[in-house]
Amino acid sequence: MNQGTNYIFAPIQKELFCFHKTTDTELINPALPYHRHDAYEIYLFLRGNAYMYLEQSCYKLSPGDLIIISPGEMHRCICIDNQMYERIGLNIKKSALERLSSHRSNLLSCFESHPFGQHNLTRLSQDQIVLYCGLAAQLISCLNSEAYGQDLLAEAYATQLLVFTNTLYPSSTYQSNNLMPELVRKTMTYIQEHLLESISSEQLEQQFHYSGKYISQQFREHTGLTIRSYIVDKRISLAMIHLSAGRTVAEACELSGFSDYANFIRSFKKIAGIPPGKYKAVKHA
């Protein structure tokens, strides 16, 4: 993510990518805003003192917390001290998920079977953590090797991780505790419900009976974003969906809540890194 231009859309360059990272002293910047990807993500938290913000939810993470994140779901992880921070991440494009799926086993199911931004987290047992870490280590080794057959083995290990995740979520009874302040949750919901309309500070004051300044401060503290930049990003995310579905650039502009075409073009390029016309061409190449 390019902090210099404040991008909050972080495209994944590879069709399949897996990492196991440990950070010992460097804190994850508390000012880091929400971001989102154009790929699916499975995140396993192993060590540290951290919170995961995901759309309208905030979770205090514990070792073994497994989080599934769909494209477009905004999220950020915040470390609150310099304890060892360890996690495993798997990013995979929809094309790879579809290729690895079968007519009996849809590997997209775990991502598609829950409401957007809700019920993303479950917790693994110690035995499940060991199993997951072992498969991830094999996958990372294969992805970093040019030896014969390693590409096939990488997809085999990725498939095992995805089958494990898809088997786990439907049977999980774990209930996570949402720590996101109610005011921030309600502000996000209001924005989503009125995304195609004009949204002003005065409207938010009337809706929630707090000063616009206080609402903005609370929102910025828990998202790393201003309310305005959050609205713009949500609209650009919606425009991407319309462009991917074959709409023209002008149609995507109108259907995503922008009243100014030139502003739409500028905002889209700033967030996505490319103009909307090129984005549509790439999606339909």
Foldseek 3Di string as FASTA:
>chain_A
DDVVLPAQEDEDDDQKDKDKDKAAADWDDLLNFWHFYQWKKKKFWADAFKWKDWQQFIFGDDHQKIFIAGGPTTMDMGGPGRHMTIMMMMTHHPVLQVVLADPVGRLCCLVPVDPRRPLGIAGDDPVVVVVLVVLSVLLNVLVPDPDPPSVVVNSVSVSVNSVVSVVDRVPGPDDTDGPRDPLLSVLSVVCVVQLQHDDDLVVSCVVPVDHSVVSQVSNCSVRSDGPVLVSLVQLLVQLLVCLLVPDDLVVSCNVSNHPDSVVNQVSNCSHVVDGSVVSSVVSVD
